[in-house]
Amino acid sequence: MAKNYEIAMLIDFYGEMLTVKQRDFLEYYYNDDLSLSEIAENEGITRQGVRDAIKRAETQLQDMENRLGMAQRHEELRRKLTEIIECSNRIADYNLHHSISKEISDDCVLIKSAAMTLLET
């Protein structure tokens, strides 16, 4: 995962476990795309203070992910659900061109619908 995407994902999973200031700094930096200097000016602290707070928060997020693995599990589930949808599409396409079984067609629709519903959550 690219670092910005990874941190944004970890904020989504574990952000509530950080202090309000840590969460705010990460949100400003990663989601609002503010520079360290801009955050420092807005918060009335030094640029170095902002950098240190962000680095500590990133370390905490990484530590939580290493212990709990929720973000990694989420990404794995998304990949597998996408594979299920692709397989269902291939089965439905094969069925359409070879045997036209209504049961297989109906099952493919159910499988695809369930996987898509899970992907949206």
PDB file of N, CA and C in Angstrom:
ATOM      1  N   MET A   1       0.839  -1.188   0.000  1.00  0.00           N
ATOM      2  CA  MET A   1       0.000   0.000   0.000  1.00  0.00           C
ATOM      3  C   MET A   1       0.883   1.249   0.000  1.00  0.00           C
ATOM      4  N   ALA A   2       0.466   2.249  -0.737  1.00  0.00           N
ATOM      5  CA  ALA A   2       1.171   3.526  -0.701  1.00  0.00           C
ATOM      6  C   ALA A   2       0.993   4.126   0.687  1.00  0.00           C
ATOM      7  N   LYS A   3       2.013   4.861   1.150  1.00  0.00           N
ATOM      8  CA  LYS A   3       2.011   5.349   2.523  1.00  0.00           C
ATOM      9  C   LYS A   3       0.779   6.197   2.844  1.00  0.00           C
ATOM     10  N   ASN A   4       0.425   7.145   1.992  1.00  0.00           N
ATOM     11  CA  ASN A   4      -0.728   7.996   2.284  1.00  0.00           C
ATOM     12  C   ASN A   4      -2.017   7.186   2.392  1.00  0.00           C
ATOM     13  N   TYR A   5      -2.197   6.245   1.464  1.00  0.00           N
ATOM     14  CA  TYR A   5      -3.381   5.390   1.502  1.00  0.00           C
ATOM     15  C   TYR A   5      -3.365   4.526   2.762  1.00  0.00           C
ATOM     16  N   GLU A   6      -2.206   3.992   3.073  1.00  0.00           N
ATOM     17  CA  GLU A   6      -2.078   3.131   4.246  1.00  0.00           C
ATOM     18  C   GLU A   6      -2.413   3.896   5.527  1.00  0.00           C
ATOM     19  N   ILE A   7      -1.852   5.076   5.687  1.00  0.00           N
ATOM     20  CA  ILE A   7      -2.124   5.867   6.887  1.00  0.00           C
ATOM     21  C   ILE A   7      -3.592   6.273   6.939  1.00  0.00           C
ATOM     22  N   ALA A   8      -4.159   6.681   5.814  1.00  0.00           N
ATOM     23  CA  ALA A   8      -5.579   7.048   5.781  1.00  0.00           C
ATOM     24  C   ALA A   8      -6.444   5.865   6.203  1.00  0.00           C
ATOM     25  N   MET A   9      -6.079   4.684   5.745  1.00  0.00           N
ATOM     26  CA  MET A   9      -6.815   3.471   6.114  1.00  0.00           C
ATOM     27  C   MET A   9      -6.672   3.188   7.616  1.00  0.00           C
ATOM     28  N   LEU A  10      -5.460   3.332   8.131  1.00  0.00           N
ATOM     29  CA  LEU A  10      -5.236   3.088   9.556  1.00  0.00           C
ATOM     30  C   LEU A  10      -5.983   4.116  10.405  1.00  0.00           C
ATOM     31  N   ILE A  11      -6.075   5.347   9.933  1.00  0.00           N
ATOM     32  CA  ILE A  11      -6.855   6.365  10.654  1.00  0.00           C
ATOM     33  C   ILE A  11      -8.317   5.931  10.720  1.00  0.00           C
ATOM     34  N   ASP A  12      -8.833   5.414   9.606  1.00  0.00           N
ATOM     35  CA  ASP A  12     -10.221   4.945   9.592  1.00  0.00           C
ATOM     36  C   ASP A  12     -10.451   3.830  10.613  1.00  0.00           C
ATOM     37  N   PHE A  13      -9.499   2.922  10.728  1.00  0.00           N
ATOM     38  CA  PHE A  13      -9.669   1.785  11.630  1.00  0.00           C
ATOM     39  C   PHE A  13      -9.350   2.114  13.083  1.00  0.00           C
ATOM     40  N   TYR A  14      -8.302   2.871  13.308  1.00  0.00           N
ATOM     41  CA  TYR A  14      -7.802   3.048  14.672  1.00  0.00           C
ATOM     42  C   TYR A  14      -7.769   4.497  15.151  1.00  0.00           C
ATOM     43  N   GLY A  15      -8.223   5.426  14.343  1.00  0.00           N
ATOM     44  CA  GLY A  15      -8.131   6.840  14.690  1.00  0.00           C
ATOM     45  C   GLY A  15      -8.767   7.206  16.011  1.00  0.00           C
ATOM     46  N   GLU A  16      -9.850   6.570  16.349  1.00  0.00           N
ATOM     47  CA  GLU A  16     -10.543   6.872  17.607  1.00  0.00           C
ATOM     48  C   GLU A  16      -9.711   6.487  18.836  1.00  0.00           C
ATOM     49  N   MET A  17      -8.683   5.706  18.648  1.00  0.00           N
ATOM     50  CA  MET A  17      -7.837   5.287  19.761  1.00  0.00           C
ATOM     51  C   MET A  17      -6.688   6.270  20.006  1.00  0.00           C
ATOM     52  N   LEU A  18      -6.544   7.251  19.122  1.00  0.00           N
ATOM     53  CA  LEU A  18      -5.524   8.286  19.293  1.00  0.00           C
ATOM     54  C   LEU A  18      -6.101   9.438  20.110  1.00  0.00           C
ATOM     55  N   THR A  19      -5.212  10.322  20.555  1.00  0.00           N
ATOM     56  CA  THR A  19      -5.704  11.533  21.215  1.00  0.00           C
ATOM     57  C   THR A  19      -6.360  12.416  20.153  1.00  0.00           C
ATOM     58  N   VAL A  20      -7.174  13.342  20.588  1.00  0.00           N
ATOM     59  CA  VAL A  20      -7.848  14.248  19.659  1.00  0.00           C
ATOM     60  C   VAL A  20      -6.823  15.025  18.841  1.00  0.00           C
ATOM     61  N   LYS A  21      -5.769  15.524  19.498  1.00  0.00           N
ATOM     62  CA  LYS A  21      -4.729  16.284  18.788  1.00  0.00           C
ATOM     63  C   LYS A  21      -4.029  15.423  17.740  1.00  0.00           C
ATOM     64  N   GLN A  22      -3.652  14.208  18.111  1.00  0.00           N
ATOM     65  CA  GLN A  22      -2.987  13.320  17.155  1.00  0.00           C
ATOM     66  C   GLN A  22      -3.882  13.066  15.945  1.00  0.00           C
ATOM     67  N   ARG A  23      -5.132  12.765  16.212  1.00  0.00           N
ATOM     68  CA  ARG A  23      -6.079  12.490  15.138  1.00  0.00           C
ATOM     69  C   ARG A  23      -6.258  13.725  14.252  1.00  0.00           C
ATOM     70  N   ASP A  24      -6.389  14.887  14.896  1.00  0.00           N
ATOM     71  CA  ASP A  24      -6.535  16.128  14.124  1.00  0.00           C
ATOM     72  C   ASP A  24      -5.323  16.364  13.233  1.00  0.00           C
ATOM     73  N   PHE A  25      -4.118  16.215  13.786  1.00  0.00           N
ATOM     74  CA  PHE A  25      -2.903  16.449  12.998  1.00  0.00           C
ATOM     75  C   PHE A  25      -2.828  15.497  11.807  1.00  0.00           C
ATOM     76  N   LEU A  26      -3.149  14.236  12.030  1.00  0.00           N
ATOM     77  CA  LEU A  26      -3.126  13.273  10.932  1.00  0.00           C
ATOM     78  C   LEU A  26      -4.178  13.613   9.885  1.00  0.00           C
ATOM     79  N   GLU A  27      -5.353  13.999  10.341  1.00  0.00           N
ATOM     80  CA  GLU A  27      -6.418  14.390   9.410  1.00  0.00           C
ATOM     81  C   GLU A  27      -5.976  15.588   8.578  1.00  0.00           C
ATOM     82  N   TYR A  28      -5.421  16.611   9.234  1.00  0.00           N
ATOM     83  CA  TYR A  28      -4.947  17.793   8.516  1.00  0.00           C
ATOM     84  C   TYR A  28      -3.886  17.420   7.484  1.00  0.00           C
ATOM     85  N   TYR A  29      -2.954  16.590   7.900  1.00  0.00           N
ATOM     86  CA  TYR A  29      -1.807  16.266   7.052  1.00  0.00           C
ATOM     87  C   TYR A  29      -2.183  15.328   5.902  1.00  0.00           C
ATOM     88  N   TYR A  30      -2.898  14.248   6.215  1.00  0.00           N
ATOM     89  CA  TYR A  30      -3.185  13.240   5.196  1.00  0.00           C
ATOM     90  C   TYR A  30      -4.487  13.475   4.442  1.00  0.00           C
ATOM     91  N   ASN A  31      -5.518  13.898   5.122  1.00  0.00           N
ATOM     92  CA  ASN A  31      -6.812  14.049   4.452  1.00  0.00           C
ATOM     93  C   ASN A  31      -7.026  15.451   3.890  1.00  0.00           C
ATOM     94  N   ASP A  32      -6.578  16.471   4.627  1.00  0.00           N
ATOM     95  CA  ASP A  32      -6.766  17.849   4.168  1.00  0.00           C
ATOM     96  C   ASP A  32      -5.576  18.361   3.374  1.00  0.00           C
ATOM     97  N   ASP A  33      -4.499  17.579   3.337  1.00  0.00           N
ATOM     98  CA  ASP A  33      -3.298  17.884   2.564  1.00  0.00           C
ATOM     99  C   ASP A  33      -2.647  19.210   2.973  1.00  0.00           C
ATOM    100  N   LEU A  34      -2.672  19.500   4.287  1.00  0.00           N
ATOM    101  CA  LEU A  34      -1.982  20.689   4.787  1.00  0.00           C
ATOM    102  C   LEU A  34      -0.513  20.349   5.034  1.00  0.00           C
ATOM    103  N   SER A  35       0.345  21.325   4.861  1.00  0.00           N
ATOM    104  CA  SER A  35       1.767  21.115   5.133  1.00  0.00           C
ATOM    105  C   SER A  35       2.004  21.182   6.641  1.00  0.00           C
ATOM    106  N   LEU A  36       3.184  20.722   7.067  1.00  0.00           N
ATOM    107  CA  LEU A  36       3.542  20.804   8.482  1.00  0.00           C
ATOM    108  C   LEU A  36       3.519  22.257   8.950  1.00  0.00           C
ATOM    109  N   SER A  37       4.021  23.146   8.118  1.00  0.00           N
ATOM    110  CA  SER A  37       4.053  24.581   8.459  1.00  0.00           C
ATOM    111  C   SER A  37       2.648  25.150   8.613  1.00  0.00           C
ATOM    112  N   GLU A  38       1.744  24.760   7.724  1.00  0.00           N
ATOM    113  CA  GLU A  38       0.366  25.248   7.810  1.00  0.00           C
ATOM    114  C   GLU A  38      -0.315  24.753   9.081  1.00  0.00           C
ATOM    115  N   ILE A  39      -0.101  23.495   9.414  1.00  0.00           N
ATOM    116  CA  ILE A  39      -0.688  22.941  10.637  1.00  0.00           C
ATOM    117  C   ILE A  39      -0.110  23.654  11.848  1.00  0.00           C
ATOM    118  N   ALA A  40       1.209  23.844  11.853  1.00  0.00           N
ATOM    119  CA  ALA A  40       1.878  24.516  12.974  1.00  0.00           C
ATOM    120  C   ALA A  40       1.313  25.921  13.167  1.00  0.00           C
ATOM    121  N   GLU A  41       1.154  26.633  12.091  1.00  0.00           N
ATOM    122  CA  GLU A  41       0.630  27.996  12.172  1.00  0.00           C
ATOM    123  C   GLU A  41      -0.806  27.995  12.712  1.00  0.00           C
ATOM    124  N   ASN A  42      -1.630  27.086  12.207  1.00  0.00           N
ATOM    125  CA  ASN A  42      -3.027  27.004  12.660  1.00  0.00           C
ATOM    126  C   ASN A  42      -3.146  26.600  14.126  1.00  0.00           C
ATOM    127  N   GLU A  43      -2.219  25.754  14.581  1.00  0.00           N
ATOM    128  CA  GLU A  43      -2.286  25.223  15.942  1.00  0.00           C
ATOM    129  C   GLU A  43      -1.439  26.012  16.937  1.00  0.00           C
ATOM    130  N   GLY A  44      -0.627  26.939  16.446  1.00  0.00           N
ATOM    131  CA  GLY A  44       0.195  27.755  17.338  1.00  0.00           C
ATOM    132  C   GLY A  44       1.352  27.008  17.977  1.00  0.00           C
ATOM    133  N   ILE A  45       1.902  26.041  17.245  1.00  0.00           N
ATOM    134  CA  ILE A  45       3.086  25.314  17.729  1.00  0.00           C
ATOM    135  C   ILE A  45       4.132  25.305  16.627  1.00  0.00           C
ATOM    136  N   THR A  46       5.287  24.730  16.920  1.00  0.00           N
ATOM    137  CA  THR A  46       6.353  24.701  15.923  1.00  0.00           C
ATOM    138  C   THR A  46       6.106  23.612  14.878  1.00  0.00           C
ATOM    139  N   ARG A  47       6.741  23.787  13.737  1.00  0.00           N
ATOM    140  CA  ARG A  47       6.676  22.788  12.678  1.00  0.00           C
ATOM    141  C   ARG A  47       7.226  21.454  13.184  1.00  0.00           C
ATOM    142  N   GLN A  48       8.316  21.527  13.949  1.00  0.00           N
ATOM    143  CA  GLN A  48       8.919  20.316  14.504  1.00  0.00           C
ATOM    144  C   GLN A  48       7.963  19.621  15.465  1.00  0.00           C
ATOM    145  N   GLY A  49       7.221  20.397  16.242  1.00  0.00           N
ATOM    146  CA  GLY A  49       6.234  19.824  17.157  1.00  0.00           C
ATOM    147  C   GLY A  49       5.150  19.064  16.412  1.00  0.00           C
ATOM    148  N   VAL A  50       4.707  19.624  15.304  1.00  0.00           N
ATOM    149  CA  VAL A  50       3.698  18.952  14.470  1.00  0.00           C
ATOM    150  C   VAL A  50       4.276  17.669  13.894  1.00  0.00           C
ATOM    151  N   ARG A  51       5.503  17.757  13.363  1.00  0.00           N
ATOM    152  CA  ARG A  51       6.149  16.579  12.773  1.00  0.00           C
ATOM    153  C   ARG A  51       6.289  15.466  13.804  1.00  0.00           C
ATOM    154  N   ASP A  52       6.751  15.816  15.005  1.00  0.00           N
ATOM    155  CA  ASP A  52       6.919  14.816  16.059  1.00  0.00           C
ATOM    156  C   ASP A  52       5.583  14.177  16.434  1.00  0.00           C
ATOM    157  N   ALA A  53       4.539  14.986  16.541  1.00  0.00           N
ATOM    158  CA  ALA A  53       3.209  14.461  16.895  1.00  0.00           C
ATOM    159  C   ALA A  53       2.691  13.519  15.814  1.00  0.00           C
ATOM    160  N   ILE A  54       2.906  13.886  14.558  1.00  0.00           N
ATOM    161  CA  ILE A  54       2.461  13.033  13.453  1.00  0.00           C
ATOM    162  C   ILE A  54       3.244  11.724  13.444  1.00  0.00           C
ATOM    163  N   LYS A  55       4.551  11.794  13.635  1.00  0.00           N
ATOM    164  CA  LYS A  55       5.372  10.577  13.649  1.00  0.00           C
ATOM    165  C   LYS A  55       4.962   9.648  14.799  1.00  0.00           C
ATOM    166  N   ARG A  56       4.712  10.212  15.978  1.00  0.00           N
ATOM    167  CA  ARG A  56       4.266   9.394  17.121  1.00  0.00           C
ATOM    168  C   ARG A  56       2.921   8.735  16.817  1.00  0.00           C
ATOM    169  N   ALA A  57       2.013   9.507  16.232  1.00  0.00           N
ATOM    170  CA  ALA A  57       0.693   8.961  15.902  1.00  0.00           C
ATOM    171  C   ALA A  57       0.800   7.864  14.848  1.00  0.00           C
ATOM    172  N   GLU A  58       1.640   8.074  13.831  1.00  0.00           N
ATOM    173  CA  GLU A  58       1.844   7.044  12.808  1.00  0.00           C
ATOM    174  C   GLU A  58       2.393   5.770  13.425  1.00  0.00           C
ATOM    175  N   THR A  59       3.343   5.924  14.347  1.00  0.00           N
ATOM    176  CA  THR A  59       3.924   4.766  15.027  1.00  0.00           C
ATOM    177  C   THR A  59       2.852   4.021  15.820  1.00  0.00           C
ATOM    178  N   GLN A  60       2.002   4.764  16.502  1.00  0.00           N
ATOM    179  CA  GLN A  60       0.928   4.128  17.271  1.00  0.00           C
ATOM    180  C   GLN A  60      -0.045   3.390  16.346  1.00  0.00           C
ATOM    181  N   LEU A  61      -0.397   4.011  15.228  1.00  0.00           N
ATOM    182  CA  LEU A  61      -1.299   3.354  14.277  1.00  0.00           C
ATOM    183  C   LEU A  61      -0.675   2.068  13.747  1.00  0.00           C
ATOM    184  N   GLN A  62       0.601   2.129  13.385  1.00  0.00           N
ATOM    185  CA  GLN A  62       1.294   0.941  12.883  1.00  0.00           C
ATOM    186  C   GLN A  62       1.345  -0.153  13.947  1.00  0.00           C
ATOM    187  N   ASP A  63       1.587   0.247  15.193  1.00  0.00           N
ATOM    188  CA  ASP A  63       1.636  -0.719  16.283  1.00  0.00           C
ATOM    189  C   ASP A  63       0.275  -1.399  16.468  1.00  0.00           C
ATOM    190  N   MET A  64      -0.795  -0.608  16.412  1.00  0.00           N
ATOM    191  CA  MET A  64      -2.138  -1.191  16.542  1.00  0.00           C
ATOM    192  C   MET A  64      -2.420  -2.150  15.396  1.00  0.00           C
ATOM    193  N   GLU A  65      -2.023  -1.772  14.182  1.00  0.00           N
ATOM    194  CA  GLU A  65      -2.241  -2.651  13.034  1.00  0.00           C
ATOM    195  C   GLU A  65      -1.413  -3.930  13.159  1.00  0.00           C
ATOM    196  N   ASN A  66      -0.182  -3.809  13.618  1.00  0.00           N
ATOM    197  CA  ASN A  66       0.661  -4.996  13.803  1.00  0.00           C
ATOM    198  C   ASN A  66       0.051  -5.946  14.824  1.00  0.00           C
ATOM    199  N   ARG A  67      -0.578  -5.408  15.837  1.00  0.00           N
ATOM    200  CA  ARG A  67      -1.183  -6.249  16.871  1.00  0.00           C
ATOM    201  C   ARG A  67      -2.532  -6.818  16.450  1.00  0.00           C
ATOM    202  N   LEU A  68      -3.356  -5.996  15.791  1.00  0.00           N
ATOM    203  CA  LEU A  68      -4.731  -6.397  15.502  1.00  0.00           C
ATOM    204  C   LEU A  68      -4.971  -6.827  14.054  1.00  0.00           C
ATOM    205  N   GLY A  69      -4.274  -6.227  13.117  1.00  0.00           N
ATOM    206  CA  GLY A  69      -4.372  -6.615  11.712  1.00  0.00           C
ATOM    207  C   GLY A  69      -5.714  -6.352  11.038  1.00  0.00           C
ATOM    208  N   MET A  70      -6.497  -5.421  11.552  1.00  0.00           N
ATOM    209  CA  MET A  70      -7.831  -5.179  10.993  1.00  0.00           C
ATOM    210  C   MET A  70      -7.785  -4.604   9.579  1.00  0.00           C
ATOM    211  N   ALA A  71      -6.903  -3.671   9.321  1.00  0.00           N
ATOM    212  CA  ALA A  71      -6.823  -3.056   7.990  1.00  0.00           C
ATOM    213  C   ALA A  71      -6.362  -4.080   6.952  1.00  0.00           C
ATOM    214  N   GLN A  72      -5.386  -4.880   7.321  1.00  0.00           N
ATOM    215  CA  GLN A  72      -4.902  -5.915   6.402  1.00  0.00           C
ATOM    216  C   GLN A  72      -6.010  -6.924   6.105  1.00  0.00           C
ATOM    217  N   ARG A  73      -6.734  -7.309   7.117  1.00  0.00           N
ATOM    218  CA  ARG A  73      -7.838  -8.259   6.946  1.00  0.00           C
ATOM    219  C   ARG A  73      -8.921  -7.658   6.046  1.00  0.00           C
ATOM    220  N   HIS A  74      -9.206  -6.381   6.241  1.00  0.00           N
ATOM    221  CA  HIS A  74     -10.194  -5.693   5.430  1.00  0.00           C
ATOM    222  C   HIS A  74      -9.789  -5.702   3.956  1.00  0.00           C
ATOM    223  N   GLU A  75      -8.532  -5.393   3.678  1.00  0.00           N
ATOM    224  CA  GLU A  75      -8.041  -5.391   2.297  1.00  0.00           C
ATOM    225  C   GLU A  75      -8.102  -6.797   1.691  1.00  0.00           C
ATOM    226  N   GLU A  76      -7.760  -7.783   2.480  1.00  0.00           N
ATOM    227  CA  GLU A  76      -7.818  -9.174   2.001  1.00  0.00           C
ATOM    228  C   GLU A  76      -9.256  -9.560   1.658  1.00  0.00           C
ATOM    229  N   LEU A  77     -10.197  -9.193   2.506  1.00  0.00           N
ATOM    230  CA  LEU A  77     -11.605  -9.489   2.236  1.00  0.00           C
ATOM    231  C   LEU A  77     -12.087  -8.792   0.967  1.00  0.00           C
ATOM    232  N   ARG A  78     -11.682  -7.544   0.775  1.00  0.00           N
ATOM    233  CA  ARG A  78     -12.070  -6.811  -0.439  1.00  0.00           C
ATOM    234  C   ARG A  78     -11.530  -7.517  -1.686  1.00  0.00           C
ATOM    235  N   ARG A  79     -10.270  -7.966  -1.638  1.00  0.00           N
ATOM    236  CA  ARG A  79      -9.685  -8.677  -2.780  1.00  0.00           C
ATOM    237  C   ARG A  79     -10.441  -9.977  -3.070  1.00  0.00           C
ATOM    238  N   LYS A  80     -10.743 -10.726  -2.028  1.00  0.00           N
ATOM    239  CA  LYS A  80     -11.423 -12.014  -2.209  1.00  0.00           C
ATOM    240  C   LYS A  80     -12.861 -11.822  -2.697  1.00  0.00           C
ATOM    241  N   LEU A  81     -13.546 -10.799  -2.199  1.00  0.00           N
ATOM    242  CA  LEU A  81     -14.899 -10.527  -2.674  1.00  0.00           C
ATOM    243  C   LEU A  81     -14.894 -10.122  -4.146  1.00  0.00           C
ATOM    244  N   THR A  82     -13.890  -9.367  -4.543  1.00  0.00           N
ATOM    245  CA  THR A  82     -13.756  -9.001  -5.951  1.00  0.00           C
ATOM    246  C   THR A  82     -13.520 -10.245  -6.797  1.00  0.00           C
ATOM    247  N   GLU A  83     -12.709 -11.178  -6.307  1.00  0.00           N
ATOM    248  CA  GLU A  83     -12.492 -12.444  -7.015  1.00  0.00           C
ATOM    249  C   GLU A  83     -13.789 -13.233  -7.141  1.00  0.00           C
ATOM    250  N   ILE A  84     -14.579 -13.258  -6.087  1.00  0.00           N
ATOM    251  CA  ILE A  84     -15.861 -13.968  -6.110  1.00  0.00           C
ATOM    252  C   ILE A  84     -16.772 -13.380  -7.182  1.00  0.00           C
ATOM    253  N   ILE A  85     -16.827 -12.049  -7.240  1.00  0.00           N
ATOM    254  CA  ILE A  85     -17.655 -11.389  -8.251  1.00  0.00           C
ATOM    255  C   ILE A  85     -17.172 -11.732  -9.653  1.00  0.00           C
ATOM    256  N   GLU A  86     -15.857 -11.700  -9.859  1.00  0.00           N
ATOM    257  CA  GLU A  86     -15.303 -12.039 -11.172  1.00  0.00           C
ATOM    258  C   GLU A  86     -15.603 -13.482 -11.552  1.00  0.00           C
ATOM    259  N   CYS A  87     -15.475 -14.399 -10.610  1.00  0.00           N
ATOM    260  CA  CYS A  87     -15.784 -15.812 -10.882  1.00  0.00           C
ATOM    261  C   CYS A  87     -17.264 -15.993 -11.201  1.00  0.00           C
ATOM    262  N   SER A  88     -18.106 -15.324 -10.454  1.00  0.00           N
ATOM    263  CA  SER A  88     -19.538 -15.398 -10.706  1.00  0.00           C
ATOM    264  C   SER A  88     -19.866 -14.896 -12.105  1.00  0.00           C
ATOM    265  N   ASN A  89     -19.219 -13.814 -12.513  1.00  0.00           N
ATOM    266  CA  ASN A  89     -19.434 -13.292 -13.868  1.00  0.00           C
ATOM    267  C   ASN A  89     -19.008 -14.292 -14.931  1.00  0.00           C
ATOM    268  N   ARG A  90     -17.852 -14.951 -14.708  1.00  0.00           N
ATOM    269  CA  ARG A  90     -17.371 -15.944 -15.676  1.00  0.00           C
ATOM    270  C   ARG A  90     -18.316 -17.146 -15.750  1.00  0.00           C
ATOM    271  N   ILE A  91     -18.798 -17.607 -14.608  1.00  0.00           N
ATOM    272  CA  ILE A  91     -19.729 -18.744 -14.592  1.00  0.00           C
ATOM    273  C   ILE A  91     -21.023 -18.372 -15.309  1.00  0.00           C
ATOM    274  N   ALA A  92     -21.540 -17.184 -15.012  1.00  0.00           N
ATOM    275  CA  ALA A  92     -22.774 -16.737 -15.662  1.00  0.00           C
ATOM    276  C   ALA A  92     -22.585 -16.626 -17.166  1.00  0.00           C
ATOM    277  N   ASP A  93     -21.444 -16.106 -17.596  1.00  0.00           N
ATOM    278  CA  ASP A  93     -21.160 -15.972 -19.026  1.00  0.00           C
ATOM    279  C   ASP A  93     -21.058 -17.345 -19.693  1.00  0.00           C
ATOM    280  N   TYR A  94     -20.351 -18.266 -19.041  1.00  0.00           N
ATOM    281  CA  TYR A  94     -20.229 -19.626 -19.582  1.00  0.00           C
ATOM    282  C   TYR A  94     -21.605 -20.272 -19.685  1.00  0.00           C
ATOM    283  N   ASN A  95     -22.388 -20.123 -18.623  1.00  0.00           N
ATOM    284  CA  ASN A  95     -23.729 -20.705 -18.593  1.00  0.00           C
ATOM    285  C   ASN A  95     -24.585 -20.151 -19.729  1.00  0.00           C
ATOM    286  N   LEU A  96     -24.482 -18.859 -19.951  1.00  0.00           N
ATOM    287  CA  LEU A  96     -25.269 -18.218 -20.997  1.00  0.00           C
ATOM    288  C   LEU A  96     -24.923 -18.775 -22.377  1.00  0.00           C
ATOM    289  N   HIS A  97     -23.639 -19.049 -22.597  1.00  0.00           N
ATOM    290  CA  HIS A  97     -23.201 -19.498 -23.917  1.00  0.00           C
ATOM    291  C   HIS A  97     -23.210 -21.019 -24.113  1.00  0.00           C
ATOM    292  N   HIS A  98     -23.449 -21.791 -23.029  1.00  0.00           N
ATOM    293  CA  HIS A  98     -23.351 -23.248 -23.180  1.00  0.00           C
ATOM    294  C   HIS A  98     -24.590 -24.019 -22.759  1.00  0.00           C
ATOM    295  N   SER A  99     -25.120 -23.761 -21.593  1.00  0.00           N
ATOM    296  CA  SER A  99     -26.182 -24.654 -21.146  1.00  0.00           C
ATOM    297  C   SER A  99     -27.475 -23.947 -20.750  1.00  0.00           C
ATOM    298  N   ILE A 100     -27.443 -22.706 -20.491  1.00  0.00           N
ATOM    299  CA  ILE A 100     -28.611 -21.920 -20.121  1.00  0.00           C
ATOM    300  C   ILE A 100     -29.396 -22.572 -18.981  1.00  0.00           C
ATOM    301  N   SER A 101     -28.735 -22.843 -17.890  1.00  0.00           N
ATOM    302  CA  SER A 101     -29.397 -23.373 -16.701  1.00  0.00           C
ATOM    303  C   SER A 101     -29.902 -22.200 -15.861  1.00  0.00           C
ATOM    304  N   LYS A 102     -31.207 -22.146 -15.653  1.00  0.00           N
ATOM    305  CA  LYS A 102     -31.797 -21.063 -14.865  1.00  0.00           C
ATOM    306  C   LYS A 102     -31.290 -21.093 -13.430  1.00  0.00           C
ATOM    307  N   GLU A 103     -31.096 -22.279 -12.864  1.00  0.00           N
ATOM    308  CA  GLU A 103     -30.612 -22.387 -11.491  1.00  0.00           C
ATOM    309  C   GLU A 103     -29.210 -21.802 -11.342  1.00  0.00           C
ATOM    310  N   ILE A 104     -28.346 -22.116 -12.290  1.00  0.00           N
ATOM    311  CA  ILE A 104     -26.982 -21.579 -12.246  1.00  0.00           C
ATOM    312  C   ILE A 104     -27.014 -20.063 -12.417  1.00  0.00           C
ATOM    313  N   SER A 105     -27.816 -19.610 -13.321  1.00  0.00           N
ATOM    314  CA  SER A 105     -27.939 -18.165 -13.546  1.00  0.00           C
ATOM    315  C   SER A 105     -28.441 -17.464 -12.286  1.00  0.00           C
ATOM    316  N   ASP A 106     -29.453 -18.019 -11.659  1.00  0.00           N
ATOM    317  CA  ASP A 106     -30.007 -17.440 -10.426  1.00  0.00           C
ATOM    318  C   ASP A 106     -28.979 -17.447  -9.305  1.00  0.00           C
ATOM    319  N   ASP A 107     -28.242 -18.561  -9.185  1.00  0.00           N
ATOM    320  CA  ASP A 107     -27.208 -18.648  -8.138  1.00  0.00           C
ATOM    321  C   ASP A 107     -26.097 -17.626  -8.371  1.00  0.00           C
ATOM    322  N   CYS A 108     -25.720 -17.420  -9.612  1.00  0.00           N
ATOM    323  CA  CYS A 108     -24.688 -16.423  -9.919  1.00  0.00           C
ATOM    324  C   CYS A 108     -25.150 -15.030  -9.515  1.00  0.00           C
ATOM    325  N   VAL A 109     -26.396 -14.722  -9.774  1.00  0.00           N
ATOM    326  CA  VAL A 109     -26.946 -13.420  -9.392  1.00  0.00           C
ATOM    327  C   VAL A 109     -26.920 -13.270  -7.872  1.00  0.00           C
ATOM    328  N   LEU A 110     -27.301 -14.311  -7.141  1.00  0.00           N
ATOM    329  CA  LEU A 110     -27.289 -14.262  -5.671  1.00  0.00           C
ATOM    330  C   LEU A 110     -25.874 -14.099  -5.121  1.00  0.00           C
ATOM    331  N   ILE A 111     -24.938 -14.857  -5.665  1.00  0.00           N
ATOM    332  CA  ILE A 111     -23.543 -14.786  -5.213  1.00  0.00           C
ATOM    333  C   ILE A 111     -22.979 -13.390  -5.466  1.00  0.00           C
ATOM    334  N   LYS A 112     -23.192 -12.897  -6.677  1.00  0.00           N
ATOM    335  CA  LYS A 112     -22.681 -11.573  -7.028  1.00  0.00           C
ATOM    336  C   LYS A 112     -23.316 -10.495  -6.154  1.00  0.00           C
ATOM    337  N   SER A 113     -24.602 -10.584  -5.931  1.00  0.00           N
ATOM    338  CA  SER A 113     -25.307  -9.600  -5.107  1.00  0.00           C
ATOM    339  C   SER A 113     -24.790  -9.606  -3.672  1.00  0.00           C
ATOM    340  N   ALA A 114     -24.596 -10.792  -3.107  1.00  0.00           N
ATOM    341  CA  ALA A 114     -24.089 -10.887  -1.727  1.00  0.00           C
ATOM    342  C   ALA A 114     -22.690 -10.324  -1.630  1.00  0.00           C
ATOM    343  N   ALA A 115     -21.836 -10.662  -2.582  1.00  0.00           N
ATOM    344  CA  ALA A 115     -20.452 -10.164  -2.554  1.00  0.00           C
ATOM    345  C   ALA A 115     -20.417  -8.650  -2.721  1.00  0.00           C
ATOM    346  N   MET A 116     -21.241  -8.103  -3.594  1.00  0.00           N
ATOM    347  CA  MET A 116     -21.260  -6.658  -3.804  1.00  0.00           C
ATOM    348  C   MET A 116     -21.781  -5.924  -2.554  1.00  0.00           C
ATOM    349  N   THR A 117     -22.766  -6.510  -1.891  1.00  0.00           N
ATOM    350  CA  THR A 117     -23.278  -5.924  -0.654  1.00  0.00           C
ATOM    351  C   THR A 117     -22.177  -5.865   0.413  1.00  0.00           C
ATOM    352  N   LEU A 118     -21.409  -6.930   0.526  1.00  0.00           N
ATOM    353  CA  LEU A 118     -20.311  -6.962   1.493  1.00  0.00           C
ATOM    354  C   LEU A 118     -19.198  -5.985   1.125  1.00  0.00           C
ATOM    355  N   LEU A 119     -18.958  -5.803  -0.152  1.00  0.00           N
ATOM    356  CA  LEU A 119     -17.938  -4.844  -0.588  1.00  0.00           C
ATOM    357  C   LEU A 119     -18.319  -3.412  -0.234  1.00  0.00           C
ATOM    358  N   GLU A 120     -19.596  -3.119  -0.230  1.00  0.00           N
ATOM    359  CA  GLU A 120     -20.084  -1.764   0.035  1.00  0.00           C
ATOM    360  C   GLU A 120     -20.025  -1.404   1.522  1.00  0.00           C
ATOM    361  N   THR A 121     -19.869  -2.380   2.393  1.00  0.00           N
ATOM    362  CA  THR A 121     -19.848  -2.099   3.831  1.00  0.00           C
ATOM    363  C   THR A 121     -18.459  -1.827   4.320  1.00  0.00           C
TER     364      THR A 121
END
